[in-house]
C-alpha atoms as a PDB file:
ATOM      1  CA  MET A   1     -80.533 -45.143 -12.235  1.00  0.00           C
ATOM      2  CA  LYS A   2     -78.591 -43.687  -9.363  1.00  0.00           C
ATOM      3  CA  ASN A   3     -75.333 -44.876  -7.843  1.00  0.00           C
ATOM      4  CA  LEU A   4     -74.111 -46.917 -10.780  1.00  0.00           C
ATOM      5  CA  ILE A   5     -71.095 -49.128 -10.254  1.00  0.00           C
ATOM      6  CA  ILE A   6     -69.384 -50.206 -13.466  1.00  0.00           C
ATOM      7  CA  GLY A   7     -67.102 -53.240 -13.089  1.00  0.00           C
ATOM      8  CA  VAL A   8     -64.614 -53.693 -15.918  1.00  0.00           C
ATOM      9  CA  ASP A   9     -62.539 -56.751 -16.848  1.00  0.00           C
ATOM     10  CA  LEU A  10     -59.854 -55.617 -19.289  1.00  0.00           C
ATOM     11  CA  ALA A  11     -58.351 -57.714 -22.076  1.00  0.00           C
ATOM     12  CA  ALA A  12     -56.637 -56.922 -25.356  1.00  0.00           C
ATOM     13  CA  LYS A  13     -59.551 -57.619 -27.698  1.00  0.00           C
ATOM     14  CA  VAL A  14     -62.636 -57.937 -25.492  1.00  0.00           C
ATOM     15  CA  ILE A  15     -63.640 -55.884 -22.447  1.00  0.00           C
ATOM     16  CA  GLN A  16     -66.321 -57.249 -20.119  1.00  0.00           C
ATOM     17  CA  VAL A  17     -68.509 -54.514 -18.611  1.00  0.00           C
ATOM     18  CA  CYS A  18     -70.910 -55.213 -15.753  1.00  0.00           C
ATOM     19  CA  VAL A  19     -73.309 -52.503 -14.563  1.00  0.00           C
ATOM     20  CA  TYR A  20     -74.587 -52.814 -10.987  1.00  0.00           C
ATOM     21  CA  ALA A  21     -77.327 -50.573  -9.582  1.00  0.00           C
ATOM     22  CA  ASP A  22     -80.295 -50.841  -7.277  1.00  0.00           C
ATOM     23  CA  LYS A  23     -78.707 -53.875  -5.580  1.00  0.00           C
ATOM     24  CA  LYS A  24     -78.638 -56.009  -8.729  1.00  0.00           C
ATOM     25  CA  VAL A  25     -76.805 -56.504 -12.018  1.00  0.00           C
ATOM     26  CA  GLN A  26     -78.395 -54.306 -14.680  1.00  0.00           C
ATOM     27  CA  SER A  27     -76.276 -55.485 -17.615  1.00  0.00           C
ATOM     28  CA  ASN A  28     -73.235 -57.612 -18.325  1.00  0.00           C
ATOM     29  CA  ARG A  29     -71.783 -57.463 -21.819  1.00  0.00           C
ATOM     30  CA  GLU A  30     -68.651 -57.685 -23.920  1.00  0.00           C
ATOM     31  CA  MET A  31     -67.260 -54.720 -25.851  1.00  0.00           C
ATOM     32  CA  THR A  32     -64.301 -54.008 -28.062  1.00  0.00           C
ATOM     33  CA  PRO A  33     -61.901 -51.320 -26.806  1.00  0.00           C
ATOM     34  CA  LYS A  34     -63.379 -48.891 -29.366  1.00  0.00           C
ATOM     35  CA  GLN A  35     -66.938 -49.624 -28.179  1.00  0.00           C
ATOM     36  CA  PHE A  36     -65.835 -49.270 -24.551  1.00  0.00           C
ATOM     37  CA  SER A  37     -64.278 -45.868 -25.225  1.00  0.00           C
ATOM     38  CA  ALA A  38     -67.547 -44.694 -26.806  1.00  0.00           C
ATOM     39  CA  TYR A  39     -69.498 -46.180 -23.878  1.00  0.00           C
ATOM     40  CA  LEU A  40     -67.380 -44.218 -21.385  1.00  0.00           C
ATOM     41  CA  SER A  41     -67.885 -40.979 -23.315  1.00  0.00           C
ATOM     42  CA  ASN A  42     -71.683 -41.369 -23.074  1.00  0.00           C
ATOM     43  CA  LEU A  43     -71.718 -42.452 -19.425  1.00  0.00           C
ATOM     44  CA  SER A  44     -73.026 -40.154 -16.707  1.00  0.00           C
ATOM     45  CA  PRO A  45     -70.720 -39.715 -13.682  1.00  0.00           C
ATOM     46  CA  SER A  46     -70.398 -43.160 -12.089  1.00  0.00           C
ATOM     47  CA  LEU A  47     -68.000 -45.270 -10.071  1.00  0.00           C
ATOM     48  CA  VAL A  48     -65.917 -47.264 -12.566  1.00  0.00           C
ATOM     49  CA  VAL A  49     -63.882 -50.122 -11.093  1.00  0.00           C
ATOM     50  CA  PHE A  50     -61.072 -51.672 -13.144  1.00  0.00           C
ATOM     51  CA  GLU A  51     -59.162 -54.862 -12.489  1.00  0.00           C
ATOM     52  CA  ALA A  52     -55.473 -54.398 -11.690  1.00  0.00           C
ATOM     53  CA  CYS A  53     -53.562 -55.137 -14.893  1.00  0.00           C
ATOM     54  CA  ALA A  54     -51.132 -53.515 -17.308  1.00  0.00           C
ATOM     55  CA  SER A  55     -53.799 -51.565 -19.222  1.00  0.00           C
ATOM     56  CA  SER A  56     -55.843 -50.420 -16.211  1.00  0.00           C
ATOM     57  CA  ASN A  57     -53.838 -47.196 -15.817  1.00  0.00           C
ATOM     58  CA  TYR A  58     -54.491 -46.283 -19.463  1.00  0.00           C
ATOM     59  CA  TRP A  59     -58.246 -46.866 -19.148  1.00  0.00           C
ATOM     60  CA  ASN A  60     -58.313 -45.022 -15.818  1.00  0.00           C
ATOM     61  CA  GLN A  61     -56.828 -41.967 -17.529  1.00  0.00           C
ATOM     62  CA  ILE A  62     -59.393 -42.208 -20.348  1.00  0.00           C
ATOM     63  CA  ALA A  63     -62.319 -42.560 -17.914  1.00  0.00           C
ATOM     64  CA  THR A  64     -61.058 -39.707 -15.727  1.00  0.00           C
ATOM     65  CA  SER A  65     -60.580 -37.382 -18.703  1.00  0.00           C
ATOM     66  CA  LEU A  66     -64.170 -38.049 -19.803  1.00  0.00           C
ATOM     67  CA  GLY A  67     -65.518 -37.147 -16.391  1.00  0.00           C
END
């Protein structure tokens, strides 16, 4: 899939991840922070959009460092 947009809703114990591509939602699932970190490390370069909250800067740094 090209032009993936990953929308992320951050919480302490559960992170909601919605993948949008080809003008429709491809997946929408919950992950733990550990699962989300692994997901980001296996993700091809994509646009990742985080909500504005206290932990968004941390996850932005993680996502940016992984490429």
